[in-house]
Amino acid sequence: MNKIIKFPARKQRSERFLSKVSPLAIAKYITRKEINISWRAARAIADAEIATVYRDLVLEEERQGLNQDIIEGIYE
């Protein structure tokens, strides 16, 4: 009887970024940089920046996957 070994799927860059980024650390940096800003506003800015970077990474990954599918479809 053969054993089937499943290797864990490799996380995409966007997922690794989202799991490792710390919104609190970014908010602390913003409050140090901008003295007259509330914690709530700093946290909102940090969340918005994280969302923007995550969006860009996902779109980049999707375009790469799409381009790869199109190239393989043309040459097969």
PDB file of N, CA and C in Angstrom:
ATOM      1  N   MET A   1       0.836  -1.166   0.000  1.00  0.00           N
ATOM      2  CA  MET A   1       0.000   0.000   0.000  1.00  0.00           C
ATOM      3  C   MET A   1       0.895   1.247   0.000  1.00  0.00           C
ATOM      4  N   ASN A   2       0.598   2.177  -0.883  1.00  0.00           N
ATOM      5  CA  ASN A   2       1.382   3.408  -1.007  1.00  0.00           C
ATOM      6  C   ASN A   2       0.827   4.489  -0.098  1.00  0.00           C
ATOM      7  N   LYS A   3       1.724   5.263   0.451  1.00  0.00           N
ATOM      8  CA  LYS A   3       1.310   6.408   1.253  1.00  0.00           C
ATOM      9  C   LYS A   3       1.329   7.648   0.378  1.00  0.00           C
ATOM     10  N   ILE A   4       0.307   8.435   0.506  1.00  0.00           N
ATOM     11  CA  ILE A   4       0.245   9.689  -0.237  1.00  0.00           C
ATOM     12  C   ILE A   4       0.703  10.801   0.695  1.00  0.00           C
ATOM     13  N   ILE A   5       1.714  11.498   0.243  1.00  0.00           N
ATOM     14  CA  ILE A   5       2.254  12.599   1.035  1.00  0.00           C
ATOM     15  C   ILE A   5       1.798  13.895   0.391  1.00  0.00           C
ATOM     16  N   LYS A   6       1.126  14.705   1.169  1.00  0.00           N
ATOM     17  CA  LYS A   6       0.684  16.007   0.668  1.00  0.00           C
ATOM     18  C   LYS A   6       1.581  17.086   1.251  1.00  0.00           C
ATOM     19  N   PHE A   7       2.151  17.859   0.386  1.00  0.00           N
ATOM     20  CA  PHE A   7       2.968  18.977   0.818  1.00  0.00           C
ATOM     21  C   PHE A   7       2.069  20.191   0.988  1.00  0.00           C
ATOM     22  N   PRO A   8       2.340  20.999   1.998  1.00  0.00           N
ATOM     23  CA  PRO A   8       1.495  22.179   2.196  1.00  0.00           C
ATOM     24  C   PRO A   8       1.632  23.142   1.023  1.00  0.00           C
ATOM     25  N   ALA A   9       0.514  23.742   0.672  1.00  0.00           N
ATOM     26  CA  ALA A   9       0.536  24.697  -0.430  1.00  0.00           C
ATOM     27  C   ALA A   9       1.359  25.910  -0.022  1.00  0.00           C
ATOM     28  N   ARG A  10       2.119  26.381  -0.935  1.00  0.00           N
ATOM     29  CA  ARG A  10       2.963  27.539  -0.652  1.00  0.00           C
ATOM     30  C   ARG A  10       2.090  28.786  -0.629  1.00  0.00           C
ATOM     31  N   LYS A  11       2.242  29.576   0.417  1.00  0.00           N
ATOM     32  CA  LYS A  11       1.440  30.788   0.539  1.00  0.00           C
ATOM     33  C   LYS A  11       1.887  31.803  -0.504  1.00  0.00           C
ATOM     34  N   GLN A  12       0.934  32.531  -0.978  1.00  0.00           N
ATOM     35  CA  GLN A  12       1.259  33.585  -1.921  1.00  0.00           C
ATOM     36  C   GLN A  12       1.810  34.779  -1.157  1.00  0.00           C
ATOM     37  N   ARG A  13       2.494  35.644  -1.871  1.00  0.00           N
ATOM     38  CA  ARG A  13       3.107  36.813  -1.224  1.00  0.00           C
ATOM     39  C   ARG A  13       2.081  37.663  -0.499  1.00  0.00           C
ATOM     40  N   SER A  14       0.915  37.828  -1.098  1.00  0.00           N
ATOM     41  CA  SER A  14      -0.102  38.674  -0.479  1.00  0.00           C
ATOM     42  C   SER A  14      -0.568  38.094   0.855  1.00  0.00           C
ATOM     43  N   GLU A  15      -0.717  36.788   0.920  1.00  0.00           N
ATOM     44  CA  GLU A  15      -1.159  36.152   2.153  1.00  0.00           C
ATOM     45  C   GLU A  15      -0.075  36.219   3.226  1.00  0.00           C
ATOM     46  N   ARG A  16       1.182  36.056   2.822  1.00  0.00           N
ATOM     47  CA  ARG A  16       2.286  36.183   3.784  1.00  0.00           C
ATOM     48  C   ARG A  16       2.359  37.597   4.332  1.00  0.00           C
ATOM     49  N   PHE A  17       2.189  38.584   3.455  1.00  0.00           N
ATOM     50  CA  PHE A  17       2.205  39.974   3.881  1.00  0.00           C
ATOM     51  C   PHE A  17       1.104  40.233   4.897  1.00  0.00           C
ATOM     52  N   LEU A  18      -0.098  39.773   4.591  1.00  0.00           N
ATOM     53  CA  LEU A  18      -1.242  40.035   5.463  1.00  0.00           C
ATOM     54  C   LEU A  18      -1.083  39.348   6.817  1.00  0.00           C
ATOM     55  N   SER A  19      -0.456  38.182   6.843  1.00  0.00           N
ATOM     56  CA  SER A  19      -0.297  37.478   8.113  1.00  0.00           C
ATOM     57  C   SER A  19       0.836  38.052   8.971  1.00  0.00           C
ATOM     58  N   LYS A  20       1.797  38.727   8.350  1.00  0.00           N
ATOM     59  CA  LYS A  20       2.955  39.216   9.097  1.00  0.00           C
ATOM     60  C   LYS A  20       2.895  40.703   9.442  1.00  0.00           C
ATOM     61  N   VAL A  21       2.073  41.463   8.769  1.00  0.00           N
ATOM     62  CA  VAL A  21       2.036  42.905   8.999  1.00  0.00           C
ATOM     63  C   VAL A  21       1.321  43.208  10.319  1.00  0.00           C
ATOM     64  N   SER A  22       1.792  44.238  10.992  1.00  0.00           N
ATOM     65  CA  SER A  22       1.217  44.627  12.284  1.00  0.00           C
ATOM     66  C   SER A  22       0.609  46.027  12.178  1.00  0.00           C
ATOM     67  N   PRO A  23      -0.722  46.113  12.172  1.00  0.00           N
ATOM     68  CA  PRO A  23      -1.346  47.433  12.093  1.00  0.00           C
ATOM     69  C   PRO A  23      -1.017  48.316  13.301  1.00  0.00           C
ATOM     70  N   LEU A  24      -0.824  47.704  14.457  1.00  0.00           N
ATOM     71  CA  LEU A  24      -0.492  48.488  15.648  1.00  0.00           C
ATOM     72  C   LEU A  24       0.885  49.126  15.525  1.00  0.00           C
ATOM     73  N   ALA A  25       1.841  48.389  14.969  1.00  0.00           N
ATOM     74  CA  ALA A  25       3.189  48.943  14.786  1.00  0.00           C
ATOM     75  C   ALA A  25       3.163  50.108  13.800  1.00  0.00           C
ATOM     76  N   ILE A  26       2.382  49.976  12.752  1.00  0.00           N
ATOM     77  CA  ILE A  26       2.278  51.063  11.767  1.00  0.00           C
ATOM     78  C   ILE A  26       1.598  52.269  12.400  1.00  0.00           C
ATOM     79  N   ALA A  27       0.552  52.033  13.189  1.00  0.00           N
ATOM     80  CA  ALA A  27      -0.152  53.130  13.857  1.00  0.00           C
ATOM     81  C   ALA A  27       0.770  53.842  14.849  1.00  0.00           C
ATOM     82  N   LYS A  28       1.592  53.092  15.572  1.00  0.00           N
ATOM     83  CA  LYS A  28       2.553  53.716  16.492  1.00  0.00           C
ATOM     84  C   LYS A  28       3.548  54.592  15.728  1.00  0.00           C
ATOM     85  N   TYR A  29       4.015  54.098  14.589  1.00  0.00           N
ATOM     86  CA  TYR A  29       4.936  54.875  13.756  1.00  0.00           C
ATOM     87  C   TYR A  29       4.270  56.171  13.289  1.00  0.00           C
ATOM     88  N   ILE A  30       3.003  56.075  12.886  1.00  0.00           N
ATOM     89  CA  ILE A  30       2.277  57.263  12.408  1.00  0.00           C
ATOM     90  C   ILE A  30       2.116  58.272  13.534  1.00  0.00           C
ATOM     91  N   THR A  31       1.787  57.804  14.753  1.00  0.00           N
ATOM     92  CA  THR A  31       1.628  58.752  15.860  1.00  0.00           C
ATOM     93  C   THR A  31       2.951  59.407  16.242  1.00  0.00           C
ATOM     94  N   ARG A  32       4.063  58.717  16.071  1.00  0.00           N
ATOM     95  CA  ARG A  32       5.365  59.336  16.334  1.00  0.00           C
ATOM     96  C   ARG A  32       5.719  60.355  15.259  1.00  0.00           C
ATOM     97  N   LYS A  33       5.325  60.049  14.037  1.00  0.00           N
ATOM     98  CA  LYS A  33       5.643  60.925  12.910  1.00  0.00           C
ATOM     99  C   LYS A  33       4.749  62.171  12.920  1.00  0.00           C
ATOM    100  N   GLU A  34       3.472  61.977  13.137  1.00  0.00           N
ATOM    101  CA  GLU A  34       2.498  63.074  13.164  1.00  0.00           C
ATOM    102  C   GLU A  34       2.068  63.292  14.613  1.00  0.00           C
ATOM    103  N   ILE A  35       2.535  64.362  15.222  1.00  0.00           N
ATOM    104  CA  ILE A  35       2.296  64.586  16.645  1.00  0.00           C
ATOM    105  C   ILE A  35       0.822  64.862  16.954  1.00  0.00           C
ATOM    106  N   ASN A  36       0.156  65.621  16.144  1.00  0.00           N
ATOM    107  CA  ASN A  36      -1.225  66.028  16.425  1.00  0.00           C
ATOM    108  C   ASN A  36      -2.245  65.119  15.746  1.00  0.00           C
ATOM    109  N   ILE A  37      -2.111  63.831  15.934  1.00  0.00           N
ATOM    110  CA  ILE A  37      -3.060  62.895  15.338  1.00  0.00           C
ATOM    111  C   ILE A  37      -3.546  61.940  16.425  1.00  0.00           C
ATOM    112  N   SER A  38      -4.818  61.648  16.387  1.00  0.00           N
ATOM    113  CA  SER A  38      -5.379  60.747  17.397  1.00  0.00           C
ATOM    114  C   SER A  38      -5.009  59.302  17.075  1.00  0.00           C
ATOM    115  N   TRP A  39      -5.087  58.452  18.084  1.00  0.00           N
ATOM    116  CA  TRP A  39      -4.795  57.036  17.906  1.00  0.00           C
ATOM    117  C   TRP A  39      -5.772  56.423  16.914  1.00  0.00           C
ATOM    118  N   ARG A  40      -7.033  56.821  17.008  1.00  0.00           N
ATOM    119  CA  ARG A  40      -8.069  56.289  16.108  1.00  0.00           C
ATOM    120  C   ARG A  40      -7.751  56.626  14.645  1.00  0.00           C
ATOM    121  N   ALA A  41      -7.342  57.867  14.400  1.00  0.00           N
ATOM    122  CA  ALA A  41      -6.996  58.281  13.036  1.00  0.00           C
ATOM    123  C   ALA A  41      -5.750  57.546  12.544  1.00  0.00           C
ATOM    124  N   ALA A  42      -4.764  57.391  13.426  1.00  0.00           N
ATOM    125  CA  ALA A  42      -3.543  56.675  13.044  1.00  0.00           C
ATOM    126  C   ALA A  42      -3.859  55.227  12.698  1.00  0.00           C
ATOM    127  N   ARG A  43      -4.728  54.604  13.481  1.00  0.00           N
ATOM    128  CA  ARG A  43      -5.111  53.219  13.209  1.00  0.00           C
ATOM    129  C   ARG A  43      -5.862  53.105  11.882  1.00  0.00           C
ATOM    130  N   ALA A  44      -6.735  54.088  11.593  1.00  0.00           N
ATOM    131  CA  ALA A  44      -7.463  54.086  10.319  1.00  0.00           C
ATOM    132  C   ALA A  44      -6.508  54.232   9.137  1.00  0.00           C
ATOM    133  N   ILE A  45      -5.517  55.095   9.275  1.00  0.00           N
ATOM    134  CA  ILE A  45      -4.522  55.274   8.209  1.00  0.00           C
ATOM    135  C   ILE A  45      -3.721  53.995   8.016  1.00  0.00           C
ATOM    136  N   ALA A  46      -3.327  53.357   9.115  1.00  0.00           N
ATOM    137  CA  ALA A  46      -2.573  52.108   9.025  1.00  0.00           C
ATOM    138  C   ALA A  46      -3.388  51.025   8.332  1.00  0.00           C
ATOM    139  N   ASP A  47      -4.657  50.900   8.701  1.00  0.00           N
ATOM    140  CA  ASP A  47      -5.516  49.900   8.066  1.00  0.00           C
ATOM    141  C   ASP A  47      -5.685  50.177   6.569  1.00  0.00           C
ATOM    142  N   ALA A  48      -5.817  51.453   6.220  1.00  0.00           N
ATOM    143  CA  ALA A  48      -5.965  51.820   4.807  1.00  0.00           C
ATOM    144  C   ALA A  48      -4.696  51.494   4.018  1.00  0.00           C
ATOM    145  N   GLU A  49      -3.536  51.755   4.607  1.00  0.00           N
ATOM    146  CA  GLU A  49      -2.275  51.448   3.927  1.00  0.00           C
ATOM    147  C   GLU A  49      -2.114  49.942   3.730  1.00  0.00           C
ATOM    148  N   ILE A  50      -2.460  49.178   4.743  1.00  0.00           N
ATOM    149  CA  ILE A  50      -2.364  47.722   4.636  1.00  0.00           C
ATOM    150  C   ILE A  50      -3.297  47.218   3.544  1.00  0.00           C
ATOM    151  N   ALA A  51      -4.512  47.744   3.514  1.00  0.00           N
ATOM    152  CA  ALA A  51      -5.480  47.322   2.493  1.00  0.00           C
ATOM    153  C   ALA A  51      -4.991  47.663   1.090  1.00  0.00           C
ATOM    154  N   THR A  52      -4.382  48.825   0.934  1.00  0.00           N
ATOM    155  CA  THR A  52      -3.877  49.241  -0.381  1.00  0.00           C
ATOM    156  C   THR A  52      -2.748  48.327  -0.853  1.00  0.00           C
ATOM    157  N   VAL A  53      -1.811  48.033   0.030  1.00  0.00           N
ATOM    158  CA  VAL A  53      -0.689  47.155  -0.345  1.00  0.00           C
ATOM    159  C   VAL A  53      -1.190  45.750  -0.643  1.00  0.00           C
ATOM    160  N   TYR A  54      -2.116  45.251   0.178  1.00  0.00           N
ATOM    161  CA  TYR A  54      -2.675  43.913  -0.042  1.00  0.00           C
ATOM    162  C   TYR A  54      -3.399  43.858  -1.388  1.00  0.00           C
ATOM    163  N   ARG A  55      -4.174  44.892  -1.696  1.00  0.00           N
ATOM    164  CA  ARG A  55      -4.881  44.946  -2.988  1.00  0.00           C
ATOM    165  C   ARG A  55      -3.886  44.893  -4.143  1.00  0.00           C
ATOM    166  N   ASP A  56      -2.829  45.680  -4.061  1.00  0.00           N
ATOM    167  CA  ASP A  56      -1.830  45.707  -5.134  1.00  0.00           C
ATOM    168  C   ASP A  56      -1.147  44.350  -5.308  1.00  0.00           C
ATOM    169  N   LEU A  57      -0.825  43.690  -4.199  1.00  0.00           N
ATOM    170  CA  LEU A  57      -0.184  42.375  -4.278  1.00  0.00           C
ATOM    171  C   LEU A  57      -1.111  41.335  -4.896  1.00  0.00           C
ATOM    172  N   VAL A  58      -2.384  41.344  -4.497  1.00  0.00           N
ATOM    173  CA  VAL A  58      -3.341  40.381  -5.049  1.00  0.00           C
ATOM    174  C   VAL A  58      -3.532  40.612  -6.538  1.00  0.00           C
ATOM    175  N   LEU A  59      -3.691  41.864  -6.937  1.00  0.00           N
ATOM    176  CA  LEU A  59      -3.863  42.151  -8.366  1.00  0.00           C
ATOM    177  C   LEU A  59      -2.634  41.757  -9.167  1.00  0.00           C
ATOM    178  N   GLU A  60      -1.460  41.976  -8.605  1.00  0.00           N
ATOM    179  CA  GLU A  60      -0.225  41.565  -9.276  1.00  0.00           C
ATOM    180  C   GLU A  60      -0.173  40.045  -9.445  1.00  0.00           C
ATOM    181  N   GLU A  61      -0.538  39.323  -8.392  1.00  0.00           N
ATOM    182  CA  GLU A  61      -0.539  37.858  -8.472  1.00  0.00           C
ATOM    183  C   GLU A  61      -1.578  37.348  -9.468  1.00  0.00           C
ATOM    184  N   GLU A  62      -2.728  37.970  -9.486  1.00  0.00           N
ATOM    185  CA  GLU A  62      -3.772  37.542 -10.417  1.00  0.00           C
ATOM    186  C   GLU A  62      -3.365  37.810 -11.861  1.00  0.00           C
ATOM    187  N   ARG A  63      -2.727  38.931 -12.099  1.00  0.00           N
ATOM    188  CA  ARG A  63      -2.263  39.235 -13.462  1.00  0.00           C
ATOM    189  C   ARG A  63      -1.196  38.241 -13.901  1.00  0.00           C
ATOM    190  N   GLN A  64      -0.298  37.879 -13.003  1.00  0.00           N
ATOM    191  CA  GLN A  64       0.740  36.915 -13.347  1.00  0.00           C
ATOM    192  C   GLN A  64       0.122  35.573 -13.680  1.00  0.00           C
ATOM    193  N   GLY A  65      -0.838  35.124 -12.884  1.00  0.00           N
ATOM    194  CA  GLY A  65      -1.512  33.858 -13.139  1.00  0.00           C
ATOM    195  C   GLY A  65      -2.277  33.897 -14.448  1.00  0.00           C
ATOM    196  N   LEU A  66      -2.929  35.020 -14.713  1.00  0.00           N
ATOM    197  CA  LEU A  66      -3.689  35.168 -15.945  1.00  0.00           C
ATOM    198  C   LEU A  66      -2.758  35.160 -17.149  1.00  0.00           C
ATOM    199  N   ASN A  67      -1.672  35.909 -17.070  1.00  0.00           N
ATOM    200  CA  ASN A  67      -0.718  35.949 -18.171  1.00  0.00           C
ATOM    201  C   ASN A  67      -0.110  34.574 -18.421  1.00  0.00           C
ATOM    202  N   GLN A  68       0.182  33.843 -17.379  1.00  0.00           N
ATOM    203  CA  GLN A  68       0.764  32.510 -17.520  1.00  0.00           C
ATOM    204  C   GLN A  68      -0.229  31.572 -18.201  1.00  0.00           C
ATOM    205  N   ASP A  69      -1.519  31.649 -17.830  1.00  0.00           N
ATOM    206  CA  ASP A  69      -2.543  30.813 -18.456  1.00  0.00           C
ATOM    207  C   ASP A  69      -2.688  31.155 -19.933  1.00  0.00           C
ATOM    208  N   ILE A  70      -2.661  32.428 -20.248  1.00  0.00           N
ATOM    209  CA  ILE A  70      -2.813  32.837 -21.644  1.00  0.00           C
ATOM    210  C   ILE A  70      -1.611  32.362 -22.453  1.00  0.00           C
ATOM    211  N   ILE A  71      -0.407  32.510 -21.933  1.00  0.00           N
ATOM    212  CA  ILE A  71       0.790  32.078 -22.658  1.00  0.00           C
ATOM    213  C   ILE A  71       0.748  30.583 -22.888  1.00  0.00           C
ATOM    214  N   GLU A  72       0.394  29.807 -21.868  1.00  0.00           N
ATOM    215  CA  GLU A  72       0.336  28.369 -22.041  1.00  0.00           C
ATOM    216  C   GLU A  72      -0.747  27.970 -23.039  1.00  0.00           C
ATOM    217  N   GLY A  73      -1.856  28.682 -23.048  1.00  0.00           N
ATOM    218  CA  GLY A  73      -2.937  28.383 -23.985  1.00  0.00           C
ATOM    219  C   GLY A  73      -2.553  28.669 -25.434  1.00  0.00           C
ATOM    220  N   ILE A  74      -1.781  29.700 -25.649  1.00  0.00           N
ATOM    221  CA  ILE A  74      -1.396  30.067 -27.011  1.00  0.00           C
ATOM    222  C   ILE A  74      -0.399  29.069 -27.593  1.00  0.00           C
ATOM    223  N   TYR A  75       0.554  28.634 -26.790  1.00  0.00           N
ATOM    224  CA  TYR A  75       1.638  27.809 -27.312  1.00  0.00           C
ATOM    225  C   TYR A  75       1.371  26.320 -27.252  1.00  0.00           C
ATOM    226  N   GLU A  76       0.248  25.909 -26.661  1.00  0.00           N
ATOM    227  CA  GLU A  76      -0.010  24.472 -26.591  1.00  0.00           C
ATOM    228  C   GLU A  76      -0.657  23.940 -27.814  1.00  0.00           C
TER     229      GLU A  76
END
